[in-house]
All heavy atoms as atom14 arrays in JSON, in Angstrom:
{
  "sequence": "IPGGVNSPVRAFSAVGGTPRFITSAKGCWLTDAD",
  "atom14_mask": [
    [1, 1, 1, 1, 1, 1, 1, 1, 0, 0, 0, 0, 0, 0],
    [1, 1, 1, 1, 1, 1, 1, 0, 0, 0, 0, 0, 0, 0],
    [1, 1, 1, 1, 0, 0, 0, 0, 0, 0, 0, 0, 0, 0],
    [1, 1, 1, 1, 0, 0, 0, 0, 0, 0, 0, 0, 0, 0],
    [1, 1, 1, 1, 1, 1, 1, 0, 0, 0, 0, 0, 0, 0],
    [1, 1, 1, 1, 1, 1, 1, 1, 0, 0, 0, 0, 0, 0],
    [1, 1, 1, 1, 1, 1, 0, 0, 0, 0, 0, 0, 0, 0],
    [1, 1, 1, 1, 1, 1, 1, 0, 0, 0, 0, 0, 0, 0],
    [1, 1, 1, 1, 1, 1, 1, 0, 0, 0, 0, 0, 0, 0],
    [1, 1, 1, 1, 1, 1, 1, 1, 1, 1, 1, 0, 0, 0],
    [1, 1, 1, 1, 1, 0, 0, 0, 0, 0, 0, 0, 0, 0],
    [1, 1, 1, 1, 1, 1, 1, 1, 1, 1, 1, 0, 0, 0],
    [1, 1, 1, 1, 1, 1, 0, 0, 0, 0, 0, 0, 0, 0],
    [1, 1, 1, 1, 1, 0, 0, 0, 0, 0, 0, 0, 0, 0],
    [1, 1, 1, 1, 1, 1, 1, 0, 0, 0, 0, 0, 0, 0],
    [1, 1, 1, 1, 0, 0, 0, 0, 0, 0, 0, 0, 0, 0],
    [1, 1, 1, 1, 0, 0, 0, 0, 0, 0, 0, 0, 0, 0],
    [1, 1, 1, 1, 1, 1, 1, 0, 0, 0, 0, 0, 0, 0],
    [1, 1, 1, 1, 1, 1, 1, 0, 0, 0, 0, 0, 0, 0],
    [1, 1, 1, 1, 1, 1, 1, 1, 1, 1, 1, 0, 0, 0],
    [1, 1, 1, 1, 1, 1, 1, 1, 1, 1, 1, 0, 0, 0],
    [1, 1, 1, 1, 1, 1, 1, 1, 0, 0, 0, 0, 0, 0],
    [1, 1, 1, 1, 1, 1, 1, 0, 0, 0, 0, 0, 0, 0],
    [1, 1, 1, 1, 1, 1, 0, 0, 0, 0, 0, 0, 0, 0],
    [1, 1, 1, 1, 1, 0, 0, 0, 0, 0, 0, 0, 0, 0],
    [1, 1, 1, 1, 1, 1, 1, 1, 1, 0, 0, 0, 0, 0],
    [1, 1, 1, 1, 0, 0, 0, 0, 0, 0, 0, 0, 0, 0],
    [1, 1, 1, 1, 1, 1, 0, 0, 0, 0, 0, 0, 0, 0],
    [1, 1, 1, 1, 1, 1, 1, 1, 1, 1, 1, 1, 1, 1],
    [1, 1, 1, 1, 1, 1, 1, 1, 0, 0, 0, 0, 0, 0],
    [1, 1, 1, 1, 1, 1, 1, 0, 0, 0, 0, 0, 0, 0],
    [1, 1, 1, 1, 1, 1, 1, 1, 0, 0, 0, 0, 0, 0],
    [1, 1, 1, 1, 1, 0, 0, 0, 0, 0, 0, 0, 0, 0],
    [1, 1, 1, 1, 1, 1, 1, 1, 0, 0, 0, 0, 0, 0]
  ],
  "atom14_positions": [
    [[18.81, -1.25, 6.16], [17.97, -2.43, 6.02], [18.33, -3.1, 4.7], [18.4, -2.41, 3.68], [16.47, -2.05, 6.01], [16.08, -1.38, 7.34], [15.59, -3.27, 5.76], [14.69, -0.75, 7.31], [0.0, 0.0, 0.0], [0.0, 0.0, 0.0], [0.0, 0.0, 0.0], [0.0, 0.0, 0.0], [0.0, 0.0, 0.0], [0.0, 0.0, 0.0]],
    [[18.6, -4.39, 4.66], [18.95, -5.04, 3.39], [17.88, -4.82, 2.32], [16.72, -5.18, 2.51], [19.04, -6.53, 3.76], [19.36, -6.54, 5.23], [18.63, -5.35, 5.8], [0.0, 0.0, 0.0], [0.0, 0.0, 0.0], [0.0, 0.0, 0.0], [0.0, 0.0, 0.0], [0.0, 0.0, 0.0], [0.0, 0.0, 0.0], [0.0, 0.0, 0.0]],
    [[18.29, -4.19, 1.23], [17.36, -3.89, 0.16], [16.38, -2.78, 0.46], [15.51, -2.46, -0.36], [0.0, 0.0, 0.0], [0.0, 0.0, 0.0], [0.0, 0.0, 0.0], [0.0, 0.0, 0.0], [0.0, 0.0, 0.0], [0.0, 0.0, 0.0], [0.0, 0.0, 0.0], [0.0, 0.0, 0.0], [0.0, 0.0, 0.0], [0.0, 0.0, 0.0]],
    [[16.49, -2.2, 1.65], [15.63, -1.08, 2.02], [14.24, -1.46, 2.5], [13.43, -0.58, 2.8], [0.0, 0.0, 0.0], [0.0, 0.0, 0.0], [0.0, 0.0, 0.0], [0.0, 0.0, 0.0], [0.0, 0.0, 0.0], [0.0, 0.0, 0.0], [0.0, 0.0, 0.0], [0.0, 0.0, 0.0], [0.0, 0.0, 0.0], [0.0, 0.0, 0.0]],
    [[13.96, -2.76, 2.58], [12.63, -3.22, 2.97], [12.74, -4.41, 3.91], [13.76, -5.08, 3.96], [11.79, -3.63, 1.73], [11.52, -2.43, 0.84], [12.47, -4.75, 0.95], [0.0, 0.0, 0.0], [0.0, 0.0, 0.0], [0.0, 0.0, 0.0], [0.0, 0.0, 0.0], [0.0, 0.0, 0.0], [0.0, 0.0, 0.0], [0.0, 0.0, 0.0]],
    [[11.64, -4.7, 4.61], [11.62, -5.81, 5.53], [10.76, -6.98, 5.05], [10.54, -7.93, 5.79], [11.17, -5.33, 6.91], [12.27, -4.51, 7.58], [13.4, -4.97, 7.75], [11.95, -3.27, 7.93], [0.0, 0.0, 0.0], [0.0, 0.0, 0.0], [0.0, 0.0, 0.0], [0.0, 0.0, 0.0], [0.0, 0.0, 0.0], [0.0, 0.0, 0.0]],
    [[10.31, -6.91, 3.82], [9.7, -8.03, 3.11], [9.95, -7.76, 1.64], [9.61, -6.68, 1.14], [8.2, -8.13, 3.42], [7.65, -9.36, 2.97], [0.0, 0.0, 0.0], [0.0, 0.0, 0.0], [0.0, 0.0, 0.0], [0.0, 0.0, 0.0], [0.0, 0.0, 0.0], [0.0, 0.0, 0.0], [0.0, 0.0, 0.0], [0.0, 0.0, 0.0]],
    [[10.57, -8.7, 0.91], [11.16, -8.38, -0.4], [10.22, -7.75, -1.43], [10.64, -6.89, -2.19], [11.69, -9.73, -0.87], [12.06, -10.44, 0.39], [10.98, -10.05, 1.36], [0.0, 0.0, 0.0], [0.0, 0.0, 0.0], [0.0, 0.0, 0.0], [0.0, 0.0, 0.0], [0.0, 0.0, 0.0], [0.0, 0.0, 0.0], [0.0, 0.0, 0.0]],
    [[8.94, -8.17, -1.48], [8.06, -7.65, -2.54], [7.89, -6.13, -2.44], [7.59, -5.47, -3.43], [6.69, -8.37, -2.49], [5.87, -7.92, -1.29], [5.92, -8.15, -3.79], [0.0, 0.0, 0.0], [0.0, 0.0, 0.0], [0.0, 0.0, 0.0], [0.0, 0.0, 0.0], [0.0, 0.0, 0.0], [0.0, 0.0, 0.0], [0.0, 0.0, 0.0]],
    [[8.1, -5.57, -1.27], [7.93, -4.13, -1.08], [8.96, -3.31, -1.84], [8.77, -2.1, -2.03], [8.01, -3.77, 0.41], [6.99, -4.47, 1.28], [7.21, -4.15, 2.74], [6.4, -4.99, 3.61], [6.47, -4.98, 4.94], [7.3, -4.16, 5.55], [5.69, -5.79, 5.65], [0.0, 0.0, 0.0], [0.0, 0.0, 0.0], [0.0, 0.0, 0.0]],
    [[10.05, -3.93, -2.27], [11.12, -3.21, -2.93], [10.82, -2.88, -4.38], [11.61, -2.2, -5.05], [12.43, -4.01, -2.84], [0.0, 0.0, 0.0], [0.0, 0.0, 0.0], [0.0, 0.0, 0.0], [0.0, 0.0, 0.0], [0.0, 0.0, 0.0], [0.0, 0.0, 0.0], [0.0, 0.0, 0.0], [0.0, 0.0, 0.0], [0.0, 0.0, 0.0]],
    [[9.69, -3.37, -4.93], [9.31, -3.13, -6.32], [10.29, -3.78, -7.3], [10.37, -3.35, -8.47], [9.19, -1.64, -6.63], [7.91, -0.98, -6.16], [7.15, -1.54, -5.14], [7.47, 0.21, -6.74], [5.98, -0.92, -4.71], [6.3, 0.82, -6.31], [5.55, 0.27, -5.3], [0.0, 0.0, 0.0], [0.0, 0.0, 0.0], [0.0, 0.0, 0.0]],
    [[11.0, -4.8, -6.87], [11.99, -5.43, -7.74], [11.36, -6.01, -9.0], [11.98, -6.01, -10.07], [12.75, -6.52, -6.99], [13.43, -5.99, -5.87], [0.0, 0.0, 0.0], [0.0, 0.0, 0.0], [0.0, 0.0, 0.0], [0.0, 0.0, 0.0], [0.0, 0.0, 0.0], [0.0, 0.0, 0.0], [0.0, 0.0, 0.0], [0.0, 0.0, 0.0]],
    [[10.15, -6.52, -8.89], [9.49, -7.16, -10.03], [8.93, -6.17, -11.03], [8.64, -6.53, -12.17], [8.37, -8.08, -9.54], [0.0, 0.0, 0.0], [0.0, 0.0, 0.0], [0.0, 0.0, 0.0], [0.0, 0.0, 0.0], [0.0, 0.0, 0.0], [0.0, 0.0, 0.0], [0.0, 0.0, 0.0], [0.0, 0.0, 0.0], [0.0, 0.0, 0.0]],
    [[8.74, -4.91, -10.6], [8.11, -3.92, -11.47], [9.0, -2.71, -11.72], [8.75, -1.92, -12.64], [6.76, -3.45, -10.89], [5.74, -4.58, -10.93], [6.91, -2.92, -9.47], [0.0, 0.0, 0.0], [0.0, 0.0, 0.0], [0.0, 0.0, 0.0], [0.0, 0.0, 0.0], [0.0, 0.0, 0.0], [0.0, 0.0, 0.0], [0.0, 0.0, 0.0]],
    [[10.05, -2.52, -10.92], [10.91, -1.36, -11.06], [10.28, -0.1, -10.47], [9.12, -0.07, -10.08], [0.0, 0.0, 0.0], [0.0, 0.0, 0.0], [0.0, 0.0, 0.0], [0.0, 0.0, 0.0], [0.0, 0.0, 0.0], [0.0, 0.0, 0.0], [0.0, 0.0, 0.0], [0.0, 0.0, 0.0], [0.0, 0.0, 0.0], [0.0, 0.0, 0.0]],
    [[11.07, 0.95, -10.4], [10.57, 2.22, -9.9], [10.79, 2.39, -8.41], [11.43, 1.57, -7.74], [0.0, 0.0, 0.0], [0.0, 0.0, 0.0], [0.0, 0.0, 0.0], [0.0, 0.0, 0.0], [0.0, 0.0, 0.0], [0.0, 0.0, 0.0], [0.0, 0.0, 0.0], [0.0, 0.0, 0.0], [0.0, 0.0, 0.0], [0.0, 0.0, 0.0]],
    [[10.24, 3.46, -7.88], [10.44, 3.85, -6.49], [9.35, 3.28, -5.6], [8.16, 3.57, -5.8], [10.41, 5.39, -6.36], [11.45, 5.94, -7.16], [10.6, 5.81, -4.91], [0.0, 0.0, 0.0], [0.0, 0.0, 0.0], [0.0, 0.0, 0.0], [0.0, 0.0, 0.0], [0.0, 0.0, 0.0], [0.0, 0.0, 0.0], [0.0, 0.0, 0.0]],
    [[9.71, 2.45, -4.61], [8.69, 2.01, -3.66], [8.09, 3.21, -2.93], [8.81, 4.13, -2.53], [9.47, 1.12, -2.69], [10.74, 0.77, -3.4], [11.04, 1.93, -4.29], [0.0, 0.0, 0.0], [0.0, 0.0, 0.0], [0.0, 0.0, 0.0], [0.0, 0.0, 0.0], [0.0, 0.0, 0.0], [0.0, 0.0, 0.0], [0.0, 0.0, 0.0]],
    [[6.78, 3.19, -2.77], [6.13, 4.27, -2.07], [6.18, 4.02, -0.57], [5.81, 2.95, -0.11], [4.68, 4.42, -2.53], [4.49, 4.59, -4.03], [5.3, 5.77, -4.6], [4.8, 6.18, -5.91], [5.37, 5.85, -7.06], [6.49, 5.12, -7.05], [4.84, 6.26, -8.21], [0.0, 0.0, 0.0], [0.0, 0.0, 0.0], [0.0, 0.0, 0.0]],
    [[6.63, 5.01, 0.17], [6.67, 4.94, 1.62], [5.37, 5.52, 2.15], [5.09, 6.7, 2.01], [7.88, 5.68, 2.17], [9.13, 4.84, 2.17], [9.63, 4.33, 0.98], [9.8, 4.53, 3.35], [10.77, 3.54, 0.97], [10.93, 3.73, 3.35], [11.42, 3.24, 2.15], [0.0, 0.0, 0.0], [0.0, 0.0, 0.0], [0.0, 0.0, 0.0]],
    [[4.56, 4.67, 2.73], [3.22, 5.05, 3.18], [3.3, 5.62, 4.59], [3.92, 5.03, 5.48], [2.26, 3.87, 3.12], [2.25, 3.24, 1.71], [0.86, 4.28, 3.54], [1.87, 4.21, 0.6], [0.0, 0.0, 0.0], [0.0, 0.0, 0.0], [0.0, 0.0, 0.0], [0.0, 0.0, 0.0], [0.0, 0.0, 0.0], [0.0, 0.0, 0.0]],
    [[2.64, 6.74, 4.79], [2.66, 7.39, 6.1], [1.31, 7.36, 6.81], [1.26, 7.54, 8.02], [3.13, 8.85, 5.96], [2.31, 9.53, 5.0], [4.6, 8.89, 5.49], [0.0, 0.0, 0.0], [0.0, 0.0, 0.0], [0.0, 0.0, 0.0], [0.0, 0.0, 0.0], [0.0, 0.0, 0.0], [0.0, 0.0, 0.0], [0.0, 0.0, 0.0]],
    [[0.23, 7.14, 6.07], [-1.08, 7.04, 6.7], [-2.05, 6.35, 5.76], [-1.82, 6.26, 4.54], [-1.62, 8.42, 7.09], [-1.89, 9.21, 5.94], [0.0, 0.0, 0.0], [0.0, 0.0, 0.0], [0.0, 0.0, 0.0], [0.0, 0.0, 0.0], [0.0, 0.0, 0.0], [0.0, 0.0, 0.0], [0.0, 0.0, 0.0], [0.0, 0.0, 0.0]],
    [[-3.14, 5.86, 6.32], [-4.18, 5.22, 5.53], [-5.51, 5.39, 6.25], [-5.57, 5.34, 7.48], [-3.87, 3.75, 5.3], [0.0, 0.0, 0.0], [0.0, 0.0, 0.0], [0.0, 0.0, 0.0], [0.0, 0.0, 0.0], [0.0, 0.0, 0.0], [0.0, 0.0, 0.0], [0.0, 0.0, 0.0], [0.0, 0.0, 0.0], [0.0, 0.0, 0.0]],
    [[-6.56, 5.53, 5.47], [-7.91, 5.66, 6.01], [-8.88, 5.08, 5.01], [-8.86, 5.44, 3.82], [-8.24, 7.14, 6.27], [-9.63, 7.37, 6.86], [-9.7, 6.97, 8.33], [-11.04, 7.38, 8.93], [-11.15, 6.95, 10.37], [0.0, 0.0, 0.0], [0.0, 0.0, 0.0], [0.0, 0.0, 0.0], [0.0, 0.0, 0.0], [0.0, 0.0, 0.0]],
    [[-9.72, 4.16, 5.46], [-10.66, 3.53, 4.55], [-9.93, 2.76, 3.47], [-9.11, 1.89, 3.75], [0.0, 0.0, 0.0], [0.0, 0.0, 0.0], [0.0, 0.0, 0.0], [0.0, 0.0, 0.0], [0.0, 0.0, 0.0], [0.0, 0.0, 0.0], [0.0, 0.0, 0.0], [0.0, 0.0, 0.0], [0.0, 0.0, 0.0], [0.0, 0.0, 0.0]],
    [[-10.19, 3.09, 2.21], [-9.52, 2.41, 1.1], [-8.41, 3.26, 0.49], [-7.94, 2.96, -0.61], [-10.53, 2.03, 0.02], [-11.32, 3.45, -0.8], [0.0, 0.0, 0.0], [0.0, 0.0, 0.0], [0.0, 0.0, 0.0], [0.0, 0.0, 0.0], [0.0, 0.0, 0.0], [0.0, 0.0, 0.0], [0.0, 0.0, 0.0], [0.0, 0.0, 0.0]],
    [[-7.97, 4.32, 1.2], [-6.99, 5.24, 0.65], [-5.67, 5.17, 1.42], [-5.65, 5.19, 2.65], [-7.52, 6.68, 0.68], [-8.7, 6.87, -0.21], [-10.02, 6.73, 0.13], [-8.69, 7.23, -1.59], [-10.82, 6.98, -0.95], [-10.04, 7.29, -2.03], [-7.66, 7.51, -2.5], [-10.38, 7.61, -3.34], [-8.01, 7.83, -3.81], [-9.34, 7.89, -4.21]],
    [[-4.56, 5.12, 0.67], [-3.22, 5.22, 1.21], [-2.66, 6.6, 0.89], [-2.93, 7.15, -0.18], [-2.29, 4.18, 0.58], [-2.66, 2.7, 0.68], [-1.7, 1.88, -0.18], [-2.63, 2.23, 2.12], [0.0, 0.0, 0.0], [0.0, 0.0, 0.0], [0.0, 0.0, 0.0], [0.0, 0.0, 0.0], [0.0, 0.0, 0.0], [0.0, 0.0, 0.0]],
    [[-1.86, 7.15, 1.8], [-1.16, 8.41, 1.54], [0.32, 8.18, 1.74], [0.74, 7.64, 2.78], [-1.65, 9.53, 2.48], [-3.07, 9.7, 2.32], [-0.95, 10.84, 2.17], [0.0, 0.0, 0.0], [0.0, 0.0, 0.0], [0.0, 0.0, 0.0], [0.0, 0.0, 0.0], [0.0, 0.0, 0.0], [0.0, 0.0, 0.0], [0.0, 0.0, 0.0]],
    [[1.15, 8.57, 0.76], [2.59, 8.35, 0.88], [3.28, 9.59, 1.45], [2.64, 10.62, 1.72], [3.2, 7.9, -0.45], [3.23, 8.97, -1.53], [3.04, 10.16, -1.24], [3.48, 8.6, -2.72], [0.0, 0.0, 0.0], [0.0, 0.0, 0.0], [0.0, 0.0, 0.0], [0.0, 0.0, 0.0], [0.0, 0.0, 0.0], [0.0, 0.0, 0.0]],
    [[4.59, 9.46, 1.63], [5.36, 10.52, 2.27], [5.33, 11.82, 1.49], [5.53, 12.91, 2.06], [6.8, 10.05, 2.47], [0.0, 0.0, 0.0], [0.0, 0.0, 0.0], [0.0, 0.0, 0.0], [0.0, 0.0, 0.0], [0.0, 0.0, 0.0], [0.0, 0.0, 0.0], [0.0, 0.0, 0.0], [0.0, 0.0, 0.0], [0.0, 0.0, 0.0]],
    [[5.1, 11.74, 0.17], [5.03, 12.93, -0.67], [3.63, 13.54, -0.73], [3.42, 14.53, -1.42], [5.5, 12.6, -2.08], [6.97, 12.23, -2.13], [7.81, 13.14, -2.21], [7.29, 11.02, -2.07], [0.0, 0.0, 0.0], [0.0, 0.0, 0.0], [0.0, 0.0, 0.0], [0.0, 0.0, 0.0], [0.0, 0.0, 0.0], [0.0, 0.0, 0.0]]
  ]
}
């Protein structure tokens, strides 16, 4: 996938670091792959 994402802001280009890959969410909580 170009840049690893399908919408540019998800790549964290503006802030740096590793984009979190989210695997589930419930209520106001996100859980990432780790």
